[in-house]
PDB file of N, CA and C in Angstrom:
ATOM      1  N   MET A   1      16.753  -2.148  -4.916  1.00  0.00           N
ATOM      2  CA  MET A   1      16.260  -1.670  -5.455  1.00  0.00           C
ATOM      3  C   MET A   1      15.860  -0.804  -4.873  1.00  0.00           C
ATOM      4  N   ASP A   2      15.325   0.148  -5.641  1.00  0.00           N
ATOM      5  CA  ASP A   2      14.973   2.393  -5.350  1.00  0.00           C
ATOM      6  C   ASP A   2      13.157   1.873  -6.034  1.00  0.00           C
ATOM      7  N   SER A   3      12.543   1.887  -4.784  1.00  0.00           N
ATOM      8  CA  SER A   3      11.451   2.677  -5.068  1.00  0.00           C
ATOM      9  C   SER A   3      10.937   3.832  -4.478  1.00  0.00           C
ATOM     10  N   THR A   4       9.586   4.137  -5.051  1.00  0.00           N
ATOM     11  CA  THR A   4       9.278   5.869  -4.684  1.00  0.00           C
ATOM     12  C   THR A   4       7.110   4.875  -5.060  1.00  0.00           C
ATOM     13  N   LEU A   5       7.638   5.096  -3.952  1.00  0.00           N
ATOM     14  CA  LEU A   5       5.008   5.430  -4.244  1.00  0.00           C
ATOM     15  C   LEU A   5       4.417   7.234  -4.304  1.00  0.00           C
ATOM     16  N   ALA A   6       3.937   7.501  -5.292  1.00  0.00           N
ATOM     17  CA  ALA A   6       3.523   8.268  -5.803  1.00  0.00           C
ATOM     18  C   ALA A   6       2.871   9.197  -4.900  1.00  0.00           C
ATOM     19  N   ALA A   7       3.136  10.386  -4.693  1.00  0.00           N
ATOM     20  CA  ALA A   7       1.924  11.029  -3.062  1.00  0.00           C
ATOM     21  C   ALA A   7       0.835  11.038  -3.551  1.00  0.00           C
ATOM     22  N   GLU A   8       0.169  10.102  -4.814  1.00  0.00           N
ATOM     23  CA  GLU A   8      -1.542  10.327  -5.024  1.00  0.00           C
ATOM     24  C   GLU A   8      -1.725   8.950  -4.172  1.00  0.00           C
ATOM     25  N   ALA A   9      -2.488   9.095  -3.751  1.00  0.00           N
ATOM     26  CA  ALA A   9      -3.534   8.028  -3.189  1.00  0.00           C
ATOM     27  C   ALA A   9      -4.620   8.160  -3.600  1.00  0.00           C
ATOM     28  N   SER A  10      -5.576   6.823  -3.140  1.00  0.00           N
ATOM     29  CA  SER A  10      -7.202   6.552  -3.571  1.00  0.00           C
ATOM     30  C   SER A  10      -7.339   6.004  -2.302  1.00  0.00           C
ATOM     31  N   VAL A  11      -8.795   5.833  -1.926  1.00  0.00           N
ATOM     32  CA  VAL A  11      -9.762   4.842  -1.671  1.00  0.00           C
ATOM     33  C   VAL A  11     -10.642   4.489  -2.665  1.00  0.00           C
ATOM     34  N   SER A  12     -10.490   2.668  -2.814  1.00  0.00           N
ATOM     35  CA  SER A  12     -11.222   2.161  -3.779  1.00  0.00           C
ATOM     36  C   SER A  12     -13.288   3.091  -3.394  1.00  0.00           C
ATOM     37  N   SER A  13     -13.534   2.436  -4.439  1.00  0.00           N
ATOM     38  CA  SER A  13     -15.314   2.779  -3.935  1.00  0.00           C
ATOM     39  C   SER A  13     -16.088   2.009  -2.818  1.00  0.00           C
ATOM     40  N   ASP A  14     -15.618   0.917  -2.971  1.00  0.00           N
ATOM     41  CA  ASP A  14     -16.174   0.161  -2.169  1.00  0.00           C
ATOM     42  C   ASP A  14     -15.653   0.103  -0.637  1.00  0.00           C
ATOM     43  N   GLY A  15     -14.595   1.205  -0.470  1.00  0.00           N
ATOM     44  CA  GLY A  15     -13.942   1.689   0.439  1.00  0.00           C
ATOM     45  C   GLY A  15     -12.721   0.385   1.282  1.00  0.00           C
ATOM     46  N   LYS A  16     -12.404  -0.491   0.494  1.00  0.00           N
ATOM     47  CA  LYS A  16     -11.587  -1.833   1.120  1.00  0.00           C
ATOM     48  C   LYS A  16     -10.422  -1.636   0.645  1.00  0.00           C
ATOM     49  N   LEU A  17      -9.526  -0.511   0.147  1.00  0.00           N
ATOM     50  CA  LEU A  17      -8.705  -0.305  -0.315  1.00  0.00           C
ATOM     51  C   LEU A  17      -7.752   1.131  -0.707  1.00  0.00           C
ATOM     52  N   VAL A  18      -6.703   1.233  -0.421  1.00  0.00           N
ATOM     53  CA  VAL A  18      -5.789   2.172  -0.921  1.00  0.00           C
ATOM     54  C   VAL A  18      -5.192   2.090  -1.702  1.00  0.00           C
ATOM     55  N   ILE A  19      -5.516   3.122  -2.988  1.00  0.00           N
ATOM     56  CA  ILE A  19      -4.809   1.997  -4.577  1.00  0.00           C
ATOM     57  C   ILE A  19      -3.580   3.840  -4.999  1.00  0.00           C
ATOM     58  N   PHE A  20      -2.678   3.273  -4.997  1.00  0.00           N
ATOM     59  CA  PHE A  20      -1.998   4.355  -5.585  1.00  0.00           C
ATOM     60  C   PHE A  20      -0.492   3.521  -6.852  1.00  0.00           C
ATOM     61  N   VAL A  21      -0.068   4.342  -7.420  1.00  0.00           N
ATOM     62  CA  VAL A  21       1.527   3.956  -8.340  1.00  0.00           C
ATOM     63  C   VAL A  21       2.455   4.145  -7.448  1.00  0.00           C
ATOM     64  N   ALA A  22       3.707   3.126  -7.360  1.00  0.00           N
ATOM     65  CA  ALA A  22       4.311   2.476  -7.373  1.00  0.00           C
ATOM     66  C   ALA A  22       5.676   2.413  -8.882  1.00  0.00           C
ATOM     67  N   HIS A  23       7.029   3.393  -8.706  1.00  0.00           N
ATOM     68  CA  HIS A  23       7.609   3.406  -9.355  1.00  0.00           C
ATOM     69  C   HIS A  23       8.809   2.787  -8.897  1.00  0.00           C
ATOM     70  N   ILE A  24       8.963   1.903  -9.750  1.00  0.00           N
ATOM     71  CA  ILE A  24       9.862   0.559  -9.573  1.00  0.00           C
ATOM     72  C   ILE A  24      11.031  -0.008 -10.553  1.00  0.00           C
ATOM     73  N   CYS A  25      12.320  -0.104 -10.974  1.00  0.00           N
ATOM     74  CA  CYS A  25      13.174   0.124 -11.940  1.00  0.00           C
ATOM     75  C   CYS A  25      12.944   0.888 -13.186  1.00  0.00           C
ATOM     76  N   ARG A  26      11.999   2.491 -13.283  1.00  0.00           N
ATOM     77  CA  ARG A  26      11.535   2.396 -14.455  1.00  0.00           C
ATOM     78  C   ARG A  26      10.511   1.655 -14.719  1.00  0.00           C
ATOM     79  N   ARG A  27       9.792   1.403 -14.258  1.00  0.00           N
ATOM     80  CA  ARG A  27       8.502   0.676 -14.159  1.00  0.00           C
ATOM     81  C   ARG A  27       7.169   1.738 -12.806  1.00  0.00           C
ATOM     82  N   ALA A  28       6.082   1.864 -13.952  1.00  0.00           N
ATOM     83  CA  ALA A  28       5.003   2.585 -12.690  1.00  0.00           C
ATOM     84  C   ALA A  28       3.617   1.434 -12.733  1.00  0.00           C
ATOM     85  N   LEU A  29       4.149   0.990 -11.545  1.00  0.00           N
ATOM     86  CA  LEU A  29       3.250  -0.415 -11.012  1.00  0.00           C
ATOM     87  C   LEU A  29       1.910  -0.028 -10.243  1.00  0.00           C
ATOM     88  N   ARG A  30       0.712  -0.208 -11.178  1.00  0.00           N
ATOM     89  CA  ARG A  30      -1.108   0.186  -9.987  1.00  0.00           C
ATOM     90  C   ARG A  30      -0.277  -0.719  -8.893  1.00  0.00           C
ATOM     91  N   CYS A  31      -0.662  -0.187  -7.416  1.00  0.00           N
ATOM     92  CA  CYS A  31      -0.973  -1.274  -6.412  1.00  0.00           C
ATOM     93  C   CYS A  31      -1.908  -0.598  -5.884  1.00  0.00           C
ATOM     94  N   SER A  32      -2.115  -1.619  -4.709  1.00  0.00           N
ATOM     95  CA  SER A  32      -3.342  -1.520  -3.079  1.00  0.00           C
ATOM     96  C   SER A  32      -3.042  -1.851  -1.712  1.00  0.00           C
ATOM     97  N   ILE A  33      -3.042  -1.345  -1.133  1.00  0.00           N
ATOM     98  CA  ILE A  33      -3.089  -1.812   0.042  1.00  0.00           C
ATOM     99  C   ILE A  33      -4.629  -1.978   1.284  1.00  0.00           C
ATOM    100  N   THR A  34      -5.011  -3.129   1.781  1.00  0.00           N
ATOM    101  CA  THR A  34      -5.915  -3.583   1.934  1.00  0.00           C
ATOM    102  C   THR A  34      -6.236  -2.411   3.579  1.00  0.00           C
ATOM    103  N   ARG A  35      -7.239  -2.041   3.574  1.00  0.00           N
ATOM    104  CA  ARG A  35      -7.544  -1.500   4.605  1.00  0.00           C
ATOM    105  C   ARG A  35      -7.913  -2.087   6.508  1.00  0.00           C
ATOM    106  N   ASP A  36      -7.686  -3.108   6.089  1.00  0.00           N
ATOM    107  CA  ASP A  36      -7.740  -4.474   6.894  1.00  0.00           C
ATOM    108  C   ASP A  36      -6.183  -4.339   7.805  1.00  0.00           C
ATOM    109  N   ALA A  37      -4.954  -4.186   6.710  1.00  0.00           N
ATOM    110  CA  ALA A  37      -3.912  -4.225   6.773  1.00  0.00           C
ATOM    111  C   ALA A  37      -3.399  -2.543   7.221  1.00  0.00           C
ATOM    112  N   LEU A  38      -4.343  -1.889   6.914  1.00  0.00           N
ATOM    113  CA  LEU A  38      -3.863  -0.333   7.481  1.00  0.00           C
ATOM    114  C   LEU A  38      -4.468  -0.348   8.778  1.00  0.00           C
ATOM    115  N   GLU A  39      -4.785  -0.869   9.582  1.00  0.00           N
ATOM    116  CA  GLU A  39      -6.195  -0.686  10.784  1.00  0.00           C
ATOM    117  C   GLU A  39      -5.503  -2.103  11.508  1.00  0.00           C
ATOM    118  N   ARG A  40      -4.696  -2.707  11.214  1.00  0.00           N
ATOM    119  CA  ARG A  40      -3.729  -3.509  12.040  1.00  0.00           C
ATOM    120  C   ARG A  40      -2.524  -3.836  11.868  1.00  0.00           C
ATOM    121  N   HIS A  41      -1.864  -2.856  10.731  1.00  0.00           N
ATOM    122  CA  HIS A  41      -0.280  -2.270  11.089  1.00  0.00           C
ATOM    123  C   HIS A  41      -0.264  -0.966  11.097  1.00  0.00           C
ATOM    124  N   PHE A  42      -0.800   0.519  11.205  1.00  0.00           N
ATOM    125  CA  PHE A  42      -0.767   1.824  10.373  1.00  0.00           C
ATOM    126  C   PHE A  42      -1.462   2.077  11.260  1.00  0.00           C
ATOM    127  N   TRP A  43      -2.211   1.441  12.266  1.00  0.00           N
ATOM    128  CA  TRP A  43      -2.668   2.878  13.664  1.00  0.00           C
ATOM    129  C   TRP A  43      -3.819   3.204  13.084  1.00  0.00           C
ATOM    130  N   ALA A  44      -4.583   2.838  11.256  1.00  0.00           N
ATOM    131  CA  ALA A  44      -5.786   3.530  10.650  1.00  0.00           C
ATOM    132  C   ALA A  44      -7.029   2.584  12.024  1.00  0.00           C
ATOM    133  N   PRO A  45      -7.981   3.609  12.529  1.00  0.00           N
ATOM    134  CA  PRO A  45      -8.945   3.270  12.807  1.00  0.00           C
ATOM    135  C   PRO A  45      -9.968   2.546  12.507  1.00  0.00           C
ATOM    136  N   ILE A  46     -10.853   0.964  13.322  1.00  0.00           N
ATOM    137  CA  ILE A  46     -10.981   0.143  12.974  1.00  0.00           C
ATOM    138  C   ILE A  46     -12.785   1.896  12.138  1.00  0.00           C
ATOM    139  N   GLY A  47     -12.884   1.220  11.134  1.00  0.00           N
ATOM    140  CA  GLY A  47     -13.679   1.833  10.340  1.00  0.00           C
ATOM    141  C   GLY A  47     -13.734   3.614  10.014  1.00  0.00           C
ATOM    142  N   ALA A  48     -12.352   3.406   9.862  1.00  0.00           N
ATOM    143  CA  ALA A  48     -11.455   5.674   9.700  1.00  0.00           C
ATOM    144  C   ALA A  48     -11.888   5.583   8.223  1.00  0.00           C
ATOM    145  N   ASN A  49     -12.095   7.144   8.370  1.00  0.00           N
ATOM    146  CA  ASN A  49     -12.656   7.140   7.199  1.00  0.00           C
ATOM    147  C   ASN A  49     -11.612   7.253   5.824  1.00  0.00           C
ATOM    148  N   GLU A  50     -12.279   7.978   4.821  1.00  0.00           N
ATOM    149  CA  GLU A  50     -11.594   7.940   3.962  1.00  0.00           C
ATOM    150  C   GLU A  50      -9.806   9.030   4.183  1.00  0.00           C
ATOM    151  N   ALA A  51     -10.091  10.269   5.029  1.00  0.00           N
ATOM    152  CA  ALA A  51      -8.929  11.160   5.116  1.00  0.00           C
ATOM    153  C   ALA A  51      -8.575  10.084   5.861  1.00  0.00           C
ATOM    154  N   ARG A  52      -8.523   9.498   7.212  1.00  0.00           N
ATOM    155  CA  ARG A  52      -7.638   8.887   7.609  1.00  0.00           C
ATOM    156  C   ARG A  52      -6.660   7.247   7.656  1.00  0.00           C
ATOM    157  N   LEU A  53      -8.059   6.390   6.713  1.00  0.00           N
ATOM    158  CA  LEU A  53      -6.958   5.535   5.908  1.00  0.00           C
ATOM    159  C   LEU A  53      -5.928   6.223   4.992  1.00  0.00           C
ATOM    160  N   LEU A  54      -5.614   7.845   4.368  1.00  0.00           N
ATOM    161  CA  LEU A  54      -4.886   7.789   3.473  1.00  0.00           C
ATOM    162  C   LEU A  54      -3.929   9.062   4.633  1.00  0.00           C
ATOM    163  N   LYS A  55      -4.032   8.742   5.857  1.00  0.00           N
ATOM    164  CA  LYS A  55      -3.228   9.780   6.385  1.00  0.00           C
ATOM    165  C   LYS A  55      -2.613   8.272   7.048  1.00  0.00           C
ATOM    166  N   ALA A  56      -3.192   6.831   7.179  1.00  0.00           N
ATOM    167  CA  ALA A  56      -2.221   6.133   7.219  1.00  0.00           C
ATOM    168  C   ALA A  56      -0.981   5.599   6.681  1.00  0.00           C
ATOM    169  N   TYR A  57      -1.892   5.353   5.514  1.00  0.00           N
ATOM    170  CA  TYR A  57      -0.551   4.970   4.285  1.00  0.00           C
ATOM    171  C   TYR A  57       0.313   5.906   3.876  1.00  0.00           C
ATOM    172  N   THR A  58      -0.257   7.030   3.765  1.00  0.00           N
ATOM    173  CA  THR A  58       1.317   8.221   3.913  1.00  0.00           C
ATOM    174  C   THR A  58       1.981   8.365   5.493  1.00  0.00           C
ATOM    175  N   ASP A  59       1.893   7.583   6.762  1.00  0.00           N
ATOM    176  CA  ASP A  59       2.414   7.482   7.554  1.00  0.00           C
ATOM    177  C   ASP A  59       3.101   6.393   7.275  1.00  0.00           C
ATOM    178  N   GLY A  60       2.804   5.455   6.497  1.00  0.00           N
ATOM    179  CA  GLY A  60       3.523   4.366   6.981  1.00  0.00           C
ATOM    180  C   GLY A  60       4.420   3.973   5.388  1.00  0.00           C
ATOM    181  N   HIS A  61       4.744   5.496   4.678  1.00  0.00           N
ATOM    182  CA  HIS A  61       5.245   5.250   3.184  1.00  0.00           C
ATOM    183  C   HIS A  61       6.491   4.069   3.332  1.00  0.00           C
ATOM    184  N   GLY A  62       7.809   4.254   3.743  1.00  0.00           N
ATOM    185  CA  GLY A  62       8.793   3.303   4.095  1.00  0.00           C
ATOM    186  C   GLY A  62       8.751   1.858   4.341  1.00  0.00           C
ATOM    187  N   ARG A  63       7.448   1.412   5.466  1.00  0.00           N
ATOM    188  CA  ARG A  63       7.414  -0.259   5.315  1.00  0.00           C
ATOM    189  C   ARG A  63       6.572   0.173   4.918  1.00  0.00           C
ATOM    190  N   ILE A  64       5.356   0.766   3.171  1.00  0.00           N
ATOM    191  CA  ILE A  64       5.006   0.094   2.877  1.00  0.00           C
ATOM    192  C   ILE A  64       5.934  -0.473   1.161  1.00  0.00           C
ATOM    193  N   ALA A  65       6.313   1.110   1.298  1.00  0.00           N
ATOM    194  CA  ALA A  65       7.260   0.665  -0.162  1.00  0.00           C
ATOM    195  C   ALA A  65       8.654  -0.270  -0.026  1.00  0.00           C
ATOM    196  N   ALA A  66       8.715  -0.478   1.210  1.00  0.00           N
ATOM    197  CA  ALA A  66       9.595  -1.917   1.796  1.00  0.00           C
ATOM    198  C   ALA A  66       8.800  -3.548   1.313  1.00  0.00           C
ATOM    199  N   ALA A  67       7.473  -3.653   1.462  1.00  0.00           N
ATOM    200  CA  ALA A  67       6.562  -4.108   1.030  1.00  0.00           C
ATOM    201  C   ALA A  67       6.366  -4.433  -0.498  1.00  0.00           C
ATOM    202  N   VAL A  68       6.657  -3.389  -1.021  1.00  0.00           N
ATOM    203  CA  VAL A  68       6.307  -3.470  -2.447  1.00  0.00           C
ATOM    204  C   VAL A  68       7.407  -3.830  -3.613  1.00  0.00           C
ATOM    205  N   GLU A  69       8.460  -3.440  -2.597  1.00  0.00           N
ATOM    206  CA  GLU A  69       9.596  -4.157  -2.996  1.00  0.00           C
ATOM    207  C   GLU A  69       9.578  -5.409  -3.245  1.00  0.00           C
ATOM    208  N   ARG A  70       9.204  -6.236  -1.753  1.00  0.00           N
ATOM    209  CA  ARG A  70       9.488  -7.561  -1.725  1.00  0.00           C
ATOM    210  C   ARG A  70       7.907  -8.145  -2.459  1.00  0.00           C
ATOM    211  N   ARG A  71       7.485  -7.953  -2.162  1.00  0.00           N
ATOM    212  CA  ARG A  71       6.472  -8.324  -3.640  1.00  0.00           C
ATOM    213  C   ARG A  71       7.109  -8.605  -5.178  1.00  0.00           C
ATOM    214  N   MET A  72       7.423  -6.864  -5.703  1.00  0.00           N
ATOM    215  CA  MET A  72       8.066  -7.288  -6.988  1.00  0.00           C
ATOM    216  C   MET A  72       9.363  -8.085  -7.106  1.00  0.00           C
ATOM    217  N   LEU A  73       9.843  -8.047  -6.069  1.00  0.00           N
ATOM    218  CA  LEU A  73      11.343  -9.422  -5.911  1.00  0.00           C
ATOM    219  C   LEU A  73      10.266 -11.049  -6.789  1.00  0.00           C
ATOM    220  N   ARG A  74       9.463 -11.143  -5.977  1.00  0.00           N
ATOM    221  CA  ARG A  74       8.977 -12.726  -5.366  1.00  0.00           C
ATOM    222  C   ARG A  74       7.922 -12.649  -7.158  1.00  0.00           C
ATOM    223  N   ALA A  75       7.575 -12.146  -7.133  1.00  0.00           N
ATOM    224  CA  ALA A  75       5.873 -12.074  -8.507  1.00  0.00           C
ATOM    225  C   ALA A  75       6.331 -10.771  -9.428  1.00  0.00           C
ATOM    226  N   PRO A  76       6.921 -10.684 -10.469  1.00  0.00           N
ATOM    227  CA  PRO A  76       7.506  -9.500 -10.565  1.00  0.00           C
ATOM    228  C   PRO A  76       6.109  -8.762 -11.963  1.00  0.00           C
ATOM    229  N   ASP A  77       5.527  -9.453 -12.136  1.00  0.00           N
ATOM    230  CA  ASP A  77       3.933  -9.439 -13.492  1.00  0.00           C
ATOM    231  C   ASP A  77       2.680  -9.260 -12.836  1.00  0.00           C
ATOM    232  N   GLU A  78       2.922  -9.887 -11.842  1.00  0.00           N
ATOM    233  CA  GLU A  78       1.745  -9.801 -10.806  1.00  0.00           C
ATOM    234  C   GLU A  78       1.420  -8.915 -10.860  1.00  0.00           C
ATOM    235  N   PRO A  79       0.203  -8.337 -10.598  1.00  0.00           N
ATOM    236  CA  PRO A  79      -0.403  -6.842  -9.973  1.00  0.00           C
ATOM    237  C   PRO A  79       0.086  -7.018  -8.137  1.00  0.00           C
ATOM    238  N   ILE A  80       0.208  -5.742  -7.622  1.00  0.00           N
ATOM    239  CA  ILE A  80       0.644  -5.639  -6.464  1.00  0.00           C
ATOM    240  C   ILE A  80      -0.411  -5.847  -5.781  1.00  0.00           C
ATOM    241  N   LYS A  81      -1.130  -6.174  -4.607  1.00  0.00           N
ATOM    242  CA  LYS A  81      -1.960  -6.009  -3.023  1.00  0.00           C
ATOM    243  C   LYS A  81      -1.465  -6.321  -1.945  1.00  0.00           C
ATOM    244  N   LEU A  82      -1.302  -4.992  -1.417  1.00  0.00           N
ATOM    245  CA  LEU A  82      -0.600  -5.906  -0.145  1.00  0.00           C
ATOM    246  C   LEU A  82      -2.016  -6.357   1.397  1.00  0.00           C
ATOM    247  N   ASN A  83      -1.435  -7.194   1.873  1.00  0.00           N
ATOM    248  CA  ASN A  83      -2.819  -7.453   2.603  1.00  0.00           C
ATOM    249  C   ASN A  83      -1.871  -7.545   3.937  1.00  0.00           C
ATOM    250  N   ALA A  84      -2.484  -8.124   5.299  1.00  0.00           N
ATOM    251  CA  ALA A  84      -2.249  -8.017   6.985  1.00  0.00           C
ATOM    252  C   ALA A  84      -0.998  -8.817   6.958  1.00  0.00           C
ATOM    253  N   ALA A  85      -0.819  -9.839   6.037  1.00  0.00           N
ATOM    254  CA  ALA A  85       0.074 -10.599   6.062  1.00  0.00           C
ATOM    255  C   ALA A  85       1.484 -10.481   5.584  1.00  0.00           C
ATOM    256  N   ASP A  86       1.435  -9.431   4.753  1.00  0.00           N
ATOM    257  CA  ASP A  86       2.630  -8.462   3.936  1.00  0.00           C
ATOM    258  C   ASP A  86       3.288  -7.979   4.957  1.00  0.00           C
ATOM    259  N   PHE A  87       2.573  -7.560   6.224  1.00  0.00           N
ATOM    260  CA  PHE A  87       3.478  -6.359   7.477  1.00  0.00           C
ATOM    261  C   PHE A  87       3.648  -7.987   8.319  1.00  0.00           C
ATOM    262  N   SER A  88       3.325  -9.387   8.399  1.00  0.00           N
ATOM    263  CA  SER A  88       3.096 -10.046  10.040  1.00  0.00           C
ATOM    264  C   SER A  88       5.044 -11.224   9.892  1.00  0.00           C
ATOM    265  N   HIS A  89       5.696  -9.689  10.195  1.00  0.00           N
ATOM    266  CA  HIS A  89       6.695 -10.176  10.272  1.00  0.00           C
ATOM    267  C   HIS A  89       7.698 -10.490  11.428  1.00  0.00           C
TER     268      HIS A  89
END
């Protein structure tokens, strides 16, 4: 499965999610990853500002794309919200 994460991502208004679009199998899916996952698995400092969260997301692009693909295969019709458990293996 080939997936591409959109270059643009944004932090939710409450600061708890990074929101992005993944293009998988000619579908555009709105996805998110929690701040907690970025802090635990992608070196974002606890309480990081918006710019640092987005940098952690960008730096973790490959692992995040792989997690999106795994989630898509398990539940193709559900929204994708990645959390720390998606990277604990």
